[in-house]
Amino acid sequence: MLRTITLGSCVSVQGTFEKQLDNGKILVRVGKLLFEGYPVERKAA
């Protein structure tokens, strides 16, 4: 499943969901790289 995270105030990354962390952040994978950040809230259609 694709998820989008924020790494800062202006930087976001979209990748494959890997893991939910205890501090509220999630890990997403982009190729061989893992990124940790806060998930972007989903909007209702």
N, C-alpha and C. Protein backbone atom coordinates (compact mmCIF):
# COMPACT_ATOMS: atom_id res chain seq x y z
N MET A 1 0.84 -1.17 0.00
CA MET A 1 0.00 0.00 0.00
C MET A 1 0.89 1.24 0.00
N LEU A 2 0.60 2.18 -0.87
CA LEU A 2 1.34 3.44 -0.91
C LEU A 2 0.88 4.35 0.21
N ARG A 3 1.84 4.99 0.86
CA ARG A 3 1.54 5.96 1.91
C ARG A 3 2.41 7.19 1.68
N THR A 4 1.92 8.33 2.14
CA THR A 4 2.66 9.58 2.05
C THR A 4 2.99 10.06 3.45
N ILE A 5 4.24 10.49 3.64
CA ILE A 5 4.69 11.00 4.94
C ILE A 5 5.30 12.38 4.74
N THR A 6 5.36 13.14 5.84
CA THR A 6 6.05 14.42 5.82
C THR A 6 7.34 14.28 6.61
N LEU A 7 8.41 14.84 6.06
CA LEU A 7 9.72 14.81 6.72
C LEU A 7 10.05 16.14 7.37
N GLY A 8 9.35 17.16 6.97
CA GLY A 8 9.57 18.50 7.49
C GLY A 8 8.35 19.33 7.14
N SER A 9 8.50 20.63 7.15
CA SER A 9 7.35 21.48 6.85
C SER A 9 7.03 21.50 5.36
N CYS A 10 8.01 21.22 4.50
CA CYS A 10 7.79 21.33 3.05
C CYS A 10 8.13 20.06 2.27
N VAL A 11 8.66 19.05 2.93
CA VAL A 11 9.12 17.85 2.22
C VAL A 11 8.21 16.68 2.53
N SER A 12 7.73 16.03 1.47
CA SER A 12 6.92 14.82 1.65
C SER A 12 7.49 13.72 0.78
N VAL A 13 7.25 12.47 1.19
CA VAL A 13 7.74 11.30 0.48
C VAL A 13 6.59 10.32 0.35
N GLN A 14 6.47 9.70 -0.83
CA GLN A 14 5.45 8.68 -1.03
C GLN A 14 6.16 7.37 -1.35
N GLY A 15 5.78 6.31 -0.62
CA GLY A 15 6.40 5.02 -0.84
C GLY A 15 5.55 3.91 -0.28
N THR A 16 6.09 2.71 -0.31
CA THR A 16 5.39 1.53 0.17
C THR A 16 5.47 1.45 1.69
N PHE A 17 4.32 1.27 2.33
CA PHE A 17 4.27 1.20 3.79
C PHE A 17 5.09 0.02 4.27
N GLU A 18 5.92 0.25 5.30
CA GLU A 18 6.75 -0.80 5.89
C GLU A 18 6.34 -1.13 7.33
N LYS A 19 6.23 -0.07 8.18
CA LYS A 19 6.06 -0.34 9.61
C LYS A 19 5.49 0.88 10.32
N GLN A 20 4.62 0.64 11.32
CA GLN A 20 4.12 1.69 12.21
C GLN A 20 5.04 1.74 13.43
N LEU A 21 5.53 2.91 13.79
CA LEU A 21 6.42 3.06 14.94
C LEU A 21 5.65 3.51 16.17
N ASP A 22 6.21 3.28 17.35
CA ASP A 22 5.55 3.62 18.61
C ASP A 22 5.37 5.12 18.81
N ASN A 23 6.20 5.94 18.17
CA ASN A 23 6.13 7.39 18.36
C ASN A 23 5.13 8.07 17.42
N GLY A 24 4.32 7.30 16.69
CA GLY A 24 3.32 7.87 15.79
C GLY A 24 3.80 8.03 14.36
N LYS A 25 5.08 7.80 14.12
CA LYS A 25 5.62 7.89 12.77
C LYS A 25 5.49 6.54 12.07
N ILE A 26 5.66 6.56 10.74
CA ILE A 26 5.67 5.32 9.98
C ILE A 26 6.91 5.28 9.10
N LEU A 27 7.27 4.09 8.66
CA LEU A 27 8.37 3.90 7.72
C LEU A 27 7.79 3.59 6.35
N VAL A 28 8.33 4.23 5.31
CA VAL A 28 7.97 3.90 3.94
C VAL A 28 9.24 3.59 3.17
N ARG A 29 9.12 2.69 2.21
CA ARG A 29 10.26 2.28 1.40
C ARG A 29 10.13 2.87 0.00
N VAL A 30 11.23 3.47 -0.47
CA VAL A 30 11.34 3.96 -1.84
C VAL A 30 12.59 3.30 -2.42
N GLY A 31 12.40 2.28 -3.22
CA GLY A 31 13.54 1.51 -3.73
C GLY A 31 14.19 0.78 -2.57
N LYS A 32 15.47 1.04 -2.34
CA LYS A 32 16.20 0.42 -1.22
C LYS A 32 16.26 1.31 0.01
N LEU A 33 15.71 2.53 -0.08
CA LEU A 33 15.79 3.49 1.01
C LEU A 33 14.54 3.44 1.88
N LEU A 34 14.72 3.62 3.20
CA LEU A 34 13.62 3.73 4.14
C LEU A 34 13.56 5.16 4.66
N PHE A 35 12.36 5.72 4.72
CA PHE A 35 12.14 7.06 5.24
C PHE A 35 11.19 6.99 6.41
N GLU A 36 11.45 7.78 7.44
CA GLU A 36 10.61 7.84 8.64
C GLU A 36 9.98 9.22 8.74
N GLY A 37 8.67 9.25 8.95
CA GLY A 37 7.99 10.53 9.08
C GLY A 37 6.57 10.36 9.54
N TYR A 38 5.88 11.49 9.69
CA TYR A 38 4.48 11.46 10.13
C TYR A 38 3.56 11.25 8.93
N PRO A 39 2.58 10.37 9.05
CA PRO A 39 1.68 10.12 7.93
C PRO A 39 0.82 11.33 7.60
N VAL A 40 0.53 11.51 6.32
CA VAL A 40 -0.37 12.56 5.87
C VAL A 40 -1.78 12.05 6.05
N GLU A 41 -2.65 12.90 6.63
CA GLU A 41 -4.04 12.50 6.86
C GLU A 41 -4.77 12.30 5.54
N ARG A 42 -5.60 11.28 5.50
CA ARG A 42 -6.39 11.02 4.30
C ARG A 42 -7.61 11.91 4.29
N LYS A 43 -7.99 12.35 3.11
CA LYS A 43 -9.18 13.18 2.93
C LYS A 43 -10.30 12.32 2.37
N ALA A 44 -11.52 12.58 2.82
CA ALA A 44 -12.68 11.87 2.29
C ALA A 44 -12.99 12.38 0.90
N ALA A 45 -13.37 11.47 0.02
CA ALA A 45 -13.69 11.84 -1.37
C ALA A 45 -15.06 12.46 -1.48
